[in-house]
């Protein structure tokens, strides 16, 4: 007897089998991930995880704990990844506080843990205290032991034991000299990043390596060291933007930049207050061959 149903019943069975399998795996018994590694998370979930780590680090300052948590993401360059996420967050209109937290953590991870200075011993910490002096063992002739007298001496004071004269005693007891103390050097206070920054220099820079007209900001403390996490506010007609120093650690922890649009005039100030720098407009530079390219403004802020 000949079967005239054709292959359609096989295709129908295959489709029903696939549908039932998907229904079972998605609805009846979906896959549950338990104790999985953060490195297997989606990109957006990794960004949320880094933001939470940065917020916790800013709150408690525990770099070792933050570093251990970041290691779970298995990023190749953790400092660069944090800095890029901070820039991306600002570009997408994210929270400025989140971007600042990410920038602070990126700088801390890039610098590494600060070595702790070993604490001084109690004797070094208190130069006025005197050490305990252990008496040296004395060899005394038995014949004169009964004639030796000693006077109680306060602990830590220099004194000599003077025995009574005796014909059988041929040596003198020499007191142990007291150690001399050298005063510890006085620590010189270093400037802190909380001091206000003021504009030290404003220069128009022609650099052919720069493809876009930039406003470049450098923040330094009184000792010439870069200051990260300084918030900069730039305004133009109908717009405003915020950016932070230290988000490009490969260019310096105190560096930040902003791309200008030709034909637009900008003003700039630091979020903590201070002088307003105006008339920041893109301008062209010219090479010896006559070709033109965009120049940039370099603003250097220092602590007084």
Protein backbone atom coordinates (compact mmCIF):
# COMPACT_ATOMS: atom_id res chain seq x y z
CA UNK A 1 0.00 0.00 0.00
CA UNK A 2 1.39 3.36 -0.97
CA UNK A 3 1.69 6.21 1.63
CA UNK A 4 0.35 9.46 0.05
CA UNK A 5 0.83 11.76 3.09
CA UNK A 6 4.15 13.09 1.83
CA UNK A 7 6.85 14.71 4.00
CA UNK A 8 4.54 17.31 5.53
CA UNK A 9 3.79 15.29 8.65
CA UNK A 10 7.52 15.12 9.38
CA UNK A 11 7.91 18.88 9.07
CA UNK A 12 4.85 19.43 11.27
CA UNK A 13 6.27 17.13 13.94
CA UNK A 14 9.63 18.91 13.81
CA UNK A 15 8.01 22.32 14.24
CA UNK A 16 5.86 21.10 17.14
CA UNK A 17 8.90 19.53 18.79
CA UNK A 18 10.91 22.74 18.55
CA UNK A 19 7.99 24.80 19.89
CA UNK A 20 7.44 22.47 22.82
CA UNK A 21 11.18 22.42 23.59
CA UNK A 22 11.41 26.22 23.61
CA UNK A 23 8.29 26.49 25.78
CA UNK A 24 9.75 24.03 28.28
CA UNK A 25 13.20 25.68 28.38
CA UNK A 26 11.92 29.27 28.57
CA UNK A 27 8.75 28.94 30.65
CA UNK A 28 8.53 25.60 32.48
CA UNK A 29 12.19 25.15 33.47
CA UNK A 30 14.33 28.11 32.41
CA UNK A 31 18.09 28.09 32.95
CA UNK A 32 19.13 29.58 36.28
CA UNK A 33 22.64 30.92 36.74
CA UNK A 34 23.94 30.30 40.24
CA UNK A 35 27.27 31.61 41.60
CA UNK A 36 28.42 32.69 38.15
CA UNK A 37 31.43 34.93 37.65
CA UNK A 38 30.89 38.70 37.10
CA UNK A 39 33.15 38.35 34.05
CA UNK A 40 30.28 36.55 32.28
CA UNK A 41 27.89 39.49 32.71
CA UNK A 42 26.56 41.53 29.81
CA UNK A 43 28.40 44.76 28.99
CA UNK A 44 25.71 47.03 30.48
CA UNK A 45 25.60 44.96 33.67
CA UNK A 46 29.39 45.19 33.95
CA UNK A 47 29.08 48.99 33.70
CA UNK A 48 26.55 48.99 36.54
CA UNK A 49 28.86 46.77 38.60
CA UNK A 50 31.82 49.15 38.09
CA UNK A 51 29.67 52.15 39.00
CA UNK A 52 28.65 50.47 42.27
CA UNK A 53 32.28 49.61 43.04
CA UNK A 54 33.32 53.22 42.38
CA UNK A 55 30.56 54.61 44.61
CA UNK A 56 31.59 52.24 47.43
CA UNK A 57 35.25 53.23 47.05
CA UNK A 58 34.45 56.95 47.25
CA UNK A 59 32.42 56.25 50.40
CA UNK A 60 34.94 54.11 52.32
CA UNK A 61 38.28 54.69 50.52
CA UNK A 62 39.16 50.97 50.65
CA UNK A 63 41.25 50.50 47.51
CA UNK A 64 42.15 46.87 48.27
CA UNK A 65 38.48 45.89 48.45
CA UNK A 66 37.65 47.81 45.26
CA UNK A 67 40.58 46.19 43.46
CA UNK A 68 39.46 42.72 44.52
CA UNK A 69 35.97 43.39 43.20
CA UNK A 70 37.29 44.75 39.90
CA UNK A 71 39.46 41.67 39.45
CA UNK A 72 36.29 39.58 39.18
CA UNK A 73 35.46 41.35 35.90
CA UNK A 74 38.78 40.22 34.35
CA UNK A 75 39.36 43.51 32.51
CA UNK A 76 42.69 43.73 30.70
CA UNK A 77 43.37 47.34 31.81
CA UNK A 78 41.12 48.22 34.72
CA UNK A 79 42.16 51.89 34.99
CA UNK A 80 41.59 52.53 31.28
CA UNK A 81 38.26 50.67 31.32
CA UNK A 82 37.03 52.80 34.24
CA UNK A 83 38.18 56.02 32.57
CA UNK A 84 36.51 55.10 29.27
CA UNK A 85 33.26 54.28 31.06
CA UNK A 86 33.37 57.65 32.84
CA UNK A 87 33.83 59.47 29.53
CA UNK A 88 31.10 57.40 27.90
CA UNK A 89 28.74 58.16 30.78
CA UNK A 90 29.28 61.89 30.41
CA UNK A 91 28.90 61.74 26.63
CA UNK A 92 25.59 59.88 26.98
CA UNK A 93 24.25 62.37 29.53
CA UNK A 94 24.72 60.15 32.55
CA UNK A 95 25.12 61.22 36.15
CA UNK A 96 28.10 63.58 36.70
CA UNK A 97 28.52 62.11 40.19
CA UNK A 98 28.80 58.60 38.76
CA UNK A 99 31.36 59.77 36.20
CA UNK A 100 33.36 61.51 38.92
CA UNK A 101 33.32 58.37 41.11
CA UNK A 102 34.54 56.29 38.18
CA UNK A 103 37.28 58.83 37.47
CA UNK A 104 38.46 58.85 41.08
CA UNK A 105 38.63 55.05 41.14
CA UNK A 106 40.43 55.00 37.77
CA UNK A 107 43.09 57.34 39.13
CA UNK A 108 43.45 55.33 42.34
CA UNK A 109 43.78 52.03 40.45
CA UNK A 110 46.27 53.58 38.02
CA UNK A 111 48.44 54.90 40.84
CA UNK A 112 48.27 51.68 42.86
CA UNK A 113 48.25 51.41 46.67
CA UNK A 114 50.19 54.08 48.53
CA UNK A 115 52.93 52.51 50.67
CA UNK A 116 52.44 53.08 54.35
CA UNK A 117 55.20 54.72 56.35
CA UNK A 118 56.20 52.43 59.23
CA UNK A 119 55.21 53.87 62.53
CA UNK A 120 57.96 54.90 64.89
CA UNK A 121 58.79 52.91 67.97
CA UNK A 122 57.77 54.27 71.36
CA UNK A 123 61.31 55.41 72.01
CA UNK A 124 61.44 57.28 68.69
CA UNK A 125 58.01 58.76 69.11
CA UNK A 126 58.89 60.28 72.47
CA UNK A 127 62.43 61.70 72.50
CA UNK A 128 62.03 62.89 76.08
CA UNK A 129 61.59 59.39 77.47
CA UNK A 130 64.68 57.56 78.70
CA UNK A 131 65.37 53.90 78.05
CA UNK A 132 65.57 51.31 80.73
CA UNK A 133 69.22 50.52 81.52
CA UNK A 134 70.01 46.96 82.49
CA UNK A 135 72.78 46.76 85.07
CA UNK A 136 75.92 44.96 83.98
CA UNK A 137 76.94 41.94 86.06
CA UNK A 138 79.65 42.84 88.58
CA UNK A 139 82.43 40.55 89.74
CA UNK A 140 83.12 41.29 93.37
CA UNK A 141 85.80 39.79 95.60
CA UNK A 142 84.08 37.65 98.25
CA UNK A 143 86.30 39.19 100.91
CA UNK A 144 84.95 42.66 100.24
CA UNK A 145 81.37 41.75 99.38
CA UNK A 146 80.30 42.48 102.88
CA UNK A 147 81.88 45.92 102.79
CA UNK A 148 80.26 47.10 99.53
CA UNK A 149 77.27 49.35 99.99
CA UNK A 150 74.96 50.59 97.29
CA UNK A 151 72.63 53.54 97.25
CA UNK A 152 69.29 53.12 95.46
CA UNK A 153 69.44 55.01 92.16
CA UNK A 154 66.33 56.23 90.34
CA UNK A 155 65.71 54.36 87.08
CA UNK A 156 67.12 56.12 84.01
CA UNK A 157 69.57 58.44 85.78
CA UNK A 158 73.31 58.27 85.38
CA UNK A 159 75.12 57.10 88.53
CA UNK A 160 78.19 55.14 89.52
CA UNK A 161 78.49 52.52 92.19
CA UNK A 162 81.40 53.56 94.41
CA UNK A 163 82.69 50.71 96.57
CA UNK A 164 84.44 51.26 99.88
CA UNK A 165 88.24 51.30 99.67
CA UNK A 166 89.76 47.88 99.99
CA UNK A 167 93.24 46.56 99.52
CA UNK A 168 91.96 43.41 97.81
CA UNK A 169 89.87 45.29 95.20
CA UNK A 170 91.98 46.16 92.18
CA UNK A 171 89.39 47.29 89.56
CA UNK A 172 86.89 50.10 89.30
CA UNK A 173 83.30 49.83 88.18
CA UNK A 174 82.72 51.99 85.10
CA UNK A 175 79.12 53.18 84.59
CA UNK A 176 77.45 52.45 81.26
CA UNK A 177 77.03 55.73 79.34
CA UNK A 178 73.50 56.83 78.50
CA UNK A 179 72.56 56.71 74.79
CA UNK A 180 72.26 60.02 73.02
CA UNK A 181 69.02 60.96 71.26
CA UNK A 182 68.80 62.64 67.86
CA UNK A 183 65.61 64.69 67.33
CA UNK A 184 63.38 63.36 64.57
CA UNK A 185 63.04 65.58 61.51
CA UNK A 186 59.96 67.75 61.35
CA UNK A 187 57.50 66.80 58.64
CA UNK A 188 56.80 69.47 56.07
CA UNK A 189 53.09 69.75 55.33
CA UNK A 190 52.18 69.16 51.71
CA UNK A 191 49.44 71.05 49.88
CA UNK A 192 46.10 69.29 49.65
CA UNK A 193 43.76 69.03 46.71
CA UNK A 194 41.08 70.97 48.64
CA UNK A 195 42.90 74.28 48.10
CA UNK A 196 41.29 76.45 45.38
CA UNK A 197 42.79 76.38 41.91
CA UNK A 198 43.53 79.60 40.04
CA UNK A 199 44.39 80.20 36.40
CA UNK A 200 48.16 80.46 35.96
CA UNK A 201 48.54 80.37 32.18
CA UNK A 202 46.37 80.63 29.08
CA UNK A 203 48.07 79.71 25.82
CA UNK A 204 46.95 79.09 22.25
CA UNK A 205 48.68 75.92 21.06
CA UNK A 206 49.35 74.87 17.46
CA UNK A 207 49.88 71.11 17.35
CA UNK A 208 49.43 69.25 14.08
CA UNK A 209 48.90 66.00 15.99
CA UNK A 210 45.56 67.30 17.27
CA UNK A 211 42.83 66.77 14.69
CA UNK A 212 40.11 68.74 16.54
CA UNK A 213 40.06 72.16 18.21
CA UNK A 214 40.31 71.46 21.95
CA UNK A 215 40.14 73.23 25.26
CA UNK A 216 42.90 71.48 27.24
CA UNK A 217 42.93 71.83 31.02
CA UNK A 218 45.83 70.98 33.34
CA UNK A 219 45.33 71.03 37.13
CA UNK A 220 48.37 71.01 39.44
CA UNK A 221 48.93 71.53 43.14
CA UNK A 222 51.47 73.92 44.65
CA UNK A 223 54.20 71.27 44.34
CA UNK A 224 53.57 70.79 40.61
CA UNK A 225 51.80 67.44 40.99
CA UNK A 226 48.67 66.67 38.91
CA UNK A 227 45.31 67.01 40.65
CA UNK A 228 42.65 64.52 39.45
CA UNK A 229 38.85 64.69 39.76
CA UNK A 230 38.64 68.47 39.25
CA UNK A 231 35.24 69.27 37.74
CA UNK A 232 35.30 71.74 34.84
CA UNK A 233 32.20 73.50 33.50
CA UNK A 234 32.12 74.84 29.94
CA UNK A 235 29.26 77.00 28.62
CA UNK A 236 28.21 78.28 25.22
CA UNK A 237 25.07 79.83 23.85
CA UNK A 238 22.31 77.34 24.51
CA UNK A 239 24.48 74.64 26.07
CA UNK A 240 26.60 73.48 29.00
CA UNK A 241 28.89 70.51 29.63
CA UNK A 242 30.86 69.10 32.57
CA UNK A 243 34.08 67.08 32.46
CA UNK A 244 36.75 66.01 34.95
CA UNK A 245 40.52 65.82 35.09
CA UNK A 246 42.07 62.38 35.34
CA UNK A 247 39.70 60.56 32.99
CA UNK A 248 42.53 60.16 30.48
CA UNK A 249 45.35 58.84 32.68
CA UNK A 250 47.54 58.13 29.65
CA UNK A 251 47.74 61.93 29.13
CA UNK A 252 48.15 62.78 32.82
CA UNK A 253 46.15 62.51 36.03
CA UNK A 254 45.52 66.27 36.02
CA UNK A 255 44.54 66.47 32.32
CA UNK A 256 41.13 66.98 30.73
CA UNK A 257 39.92 68.28 27.37
CA UNK A 258 36.79 69.41 25.56
CA UNK A 259 36.19 69.45 21.79
CA UNK A 260 35.07 72.82 20.46
CA UNK A 261 32.84 73.48 17.46
CA UNK A 262 34.16 76.03 14.92
CA UNK A 263 32.29 79.29 15.04
CA UNK A 264 31.10 78.88 18.67
CA UNK A 265 32.41 80.99 21.55
CA UNK A 266 32.90 79.28 24.92
CA UNK A 267 33.40 80.27 28.54
CA UNK A 268 35.00 78.00 31.13
CA UNK A 269 35.15 77.86 34.90
CA UNK A 270 35.89 75.35 37.63
CA UNK A 271 32.88 73.92 39.44
CA UNK A 272 34.39 74.85 42.83
CA UNK A 273 34.35 78.51 41.80
CA UNK A 274 36.95 81.00 40.75
CA UNK A 275 37.73 82.98 37.63
CA UNK A 276 35.58 82.69 34.51
CA UNK A 277 37.65 82.34 31.33
CA UNK A 278 35.80 83.73 28.33
CA UNK A 279 36.40 84.25 24.60
CA UNK A 280 37.53 80.68 23.94
CA UNK A 281 36.98 80.37 20.21
CA UNK A 282 38.47 77.84 17.75
CA UNK A 283 41.17 79.38 15.57
CA UNK A 284 43.33 78.07 12.76
CA UNK A 285 47.09 77.53 12.59
CA UNK A 286 49.19 77.53 9.44
CA UNK A 287 52.21 75.42 8.51
CA UNK A 288 55.23 76.62 6.54
CA UNK A 289 53.75 75.06 3.41
CA UNK A 290 50.55 77.08 3.84
CA UNK A 291 48.20 74.30 4.97
CA UNK A 292 45.82 75.11 7.79
CA UNK A 293 44.68 73.13 10.80
CA UNK A 294 42.84 73.80 14.04
CA UNK A 295 44.67 74.99 17.14
CA UNK A 296 43.73 74.49 20.77
CA UNK A 297 43.57 76.48 24.01
CA UNK A 298 45.72 75.31 26.93
CA UNK A 299 44.59 76.44 30.39
CA UNK A 300 46.81 75.65 33.40
CA UNK A 301 45.27 75.87 36.88
CA UNK A 302 47.46 75.66 39.99
CA UNK A 303 47.00 75.87 43.74
CA UNK A 304 48.41 79.09 45.21
